Protein backbone atom coordinates (compact mmCIF):
# COMPACT_ATOMS: atom_id res chain seq x y z
CA MET A 1 -10.38 -0.54 -13.28
CA ARG A 2 -11.01 -0.29 -9.53
CA LEU A 3 -10.92 -4.06 -9.23
CA PHE A 4 -7.55 -4.07 -10.98
CA ALA A 5 -6.27 -1.36 -8.63
CA ALA A 6 -7.47 -3.27 -5.58
CA MET A 7 -5.87 -6.51 -6.76
CA LEU A 8 -2.67 -4.66 -7.60
CA GLY A 9 -2.65 -3.17 -4.11
CA ILE A 10 -2.89 -6.60 -2.52
CA VAL A 11 -0.08 -7.95 -4.67
CA VAL A 12 2.07 -4.89 -3.98
CA LEU A 13 1.59 -5.11 -0.24
CA ALA A 14 2.32 -8.81 -0.28
CA GLY A 15 5.65 -7.98 -1.88
CA CYS A 16 6.55 -5.87 1.12
CA ALA A 17 6.98 -9.01 3.20
CA ASP A 18 10.23 -9.85 1.37
CA THR A 19 12.35 -7.71 3.68
CA GLU A 20 12.78 -9.07 7.17
CA PHE A 21 13.06 -6.46 9.87
CA SER A 22 14.41 -6.69 13.39
CA ARG A 23 14.74 -4.43 16.42
CA ALA A 24 16.38 -5.17 19.72
CA ASN A 25 14.08 -5.90 22.65
CA THR A 26 10.98 -6.20 20.46
CA SER A 27 8.46 -9.01 20.87
CA ALA A 28 7.02 -10.83 17.88
CA ASP A 29 3.59 -9.36 18.68
CA GLU A 30 4.94 -5.82 18.75
CA MET A 31 6.74 -6.36 15.45
CA ARG A 32 3.56 -7.74 13.84
CA ARG A 33 1.61 -4.69 15.07
CA ASP A 34 4.27 -2.33 13.69
CA GLU A 35 4.34 -4.17 10.35
CA ALA A 36 0.55 -4.05 10.14
CA ALA A 37 0.52 -0.32 10.91
CA CYS A 38 3.15 0.27 8.23
CA ARG A 39 1.21 -1.84 5.69
CA ARG A 40 -1.90 0.25 6.36
CA ALA A 41 0.09 3.47 5.95
CA VAL A 42 1.68 2.19 2.73
CA GLY A 43 -1.70 1.07 1.39
CA THR A 44 -3.18 4.50 2.10
CA GLN A 45 -0.28 6.28 0.40
CA MET A 46 -0.34 3.96 -2.62
CA GLN A 47 -4.10 4.44 -3.04
CA ARG A 48 -3.64 8.20 -2.84
CA ASP A 49 -0.92 8.00 -5.49
CA ARG A 50 -3.12 5.85 -7.77
CA ASN A 51 -6.00 8.30 -7.38
CA ILE A 52 -3.73 11.18 -8.35
CA GLU A 53 -2.39 9.26 -11.36
CA SER A 54 -5.94 8.43 -12.41
CA ASP A 55 -6.99 12.07 -12.12
CA ILE A 56 -4.00 13.17 -14.16
CA GLY A 57 -4.68 10.52 -16.78
CA THR A 58 -8.30 11.61 -17.03
CA THR A 59 -7.40 15.28 -17.26
CA VAL A 60 -4.36 15.32 -19.54
CA GLY A 61 -4.17 11.77 -20.88
CA THR A 62 -1.69 9.05 -20.10
CA GLN A 63 1.91 9.00 -21.09
CA GLY A 64 1.37 5.58 -22.59
CA GLN A 65 2.08 7.10 -25.98
CA GLN A 66 5.74 6.31 -25.27
CA VAL A 67 4.78 2.64 -25.34
CA ARG A 68 2.93 1.22 -28.33
CA PRO A 69 -0.55 2.81 -28.19
CA ASN A 70 -2.41 -0.53 -28.10
CA ASP A 71 -0.10 -2.30 -25.68
CA SER A 72 -2.04 -1.83 -22.45
CA GLN A 73 -0.50 -4.96 -20.92
CA THR A 74 2.98 -3.45 -21.17
CA ARG A 75 1.75 -0.20 -19.61
CA GLN A 76 0.15 -2.16 -16.76
CA GLN A 77 3.35 -4.14 -16.17
CA ILE A 78 5.42 -0.95 -16.08
CA ALA A 79 2.97 0.65 -13.65
CA SER A 80 2.87 -2.48 -11.51
CA ARG A 81 6.65 -2.65 -11.23
CA GLY A 82 6.80 1.03 -10.31
CA ASP A 83 4.14 0.48 -7.65
CA THR A 84 6.03 -2.49 -6.25
CA VAL A 85 9.29 -0.58 -5.95
CA ARG A 86 7.55 2.44 -4.39
CA SER A 87 5.60 0.35 -1.87
CA GLU A 88 8.75 -1.53 -0.83
CA ARG A 89 10.55 1.76 -0.22
CA LEU A 90 7.63 3.18 1.73
CA MET A 91 7.47 0.05 3.88
CA GLU A 92 11.20 0.14 4.56
CA ASN A 93 11.03 3.83 5.46
CA CYS A 94 8.09 3.26 7.79
CA MET A 95 9.75 0.36 9.59
CA ARG A 96 13.05 2.24 9.88
CA SER A 97 11.21 5.24 11.33
CA ARG A 98 10.01 2.84 14.04
CA GLY A 99 13.60 1.78 14.77
CA TYR A 100 13.76 -1.47 12.78
CA ALA A 101 16.66 -2.60 10.64
CA GLY A 102 16.29 -4.64 7.48
CA ALA A 103 18.24 -7.85 7.00
CA LYS A 104 20.49 -6.11 4.46
CA ASP A 105 21.31 -3.12 6.70
CA PRO A 106 25.00 -2.88 7.63
CA LYS A 107 24.36 -2.28 11.34
CA PRO A 108 21.46 -3.00 13.66
CA ALA A 109 18.95 -0.25 14.28
CA THR A 110 18.36 1.20 17.69
CA PRO A 111 14.90 1.61 19.13
CA PRO A 112 13.39 5.06 18.47
CA ALA A 113 13.87 7.65 21.17
CA ALA A 114 11.07 7.95 23.69
CA LYS A 115 8.68 10.78 22.94
CA PRO A 116 8.27 13.35 25.73
C-alpha cells in the first residue's frame, strides 16, 4: 500500500507541471526554485492527507461501499483523480501566493510585496 501511495504521489506531482506559470522580472532559475519549493509543499500536504484518509479508513472503514464492494480498481481510480485535482489546486495556490500567474489567468500577476 505504501508503494502504491508513493507511486501515486509521483504521478500526481508530475501532473502539476501542466500549468505554466510566469511572473514579471523572474529568472528561469528563480522560477525553478519556486516550483520545486511548491512541489515539496504539495507533496507534504498530499502525504498528510493520505495518512489521515488511511487512519480514517482503518478506524471507521472506507466509503467504498458506495462502489461495488469488490471493485478496488474503481476506488483507486476515483481516489487518484481526486488526488490529482487537489494537488493541481494546491500547486496553483502555492505559485500564486508567490506572485505567479498561470497561463489561463486573465491578467498577469504582480510580484509579491516585499516583507518588512
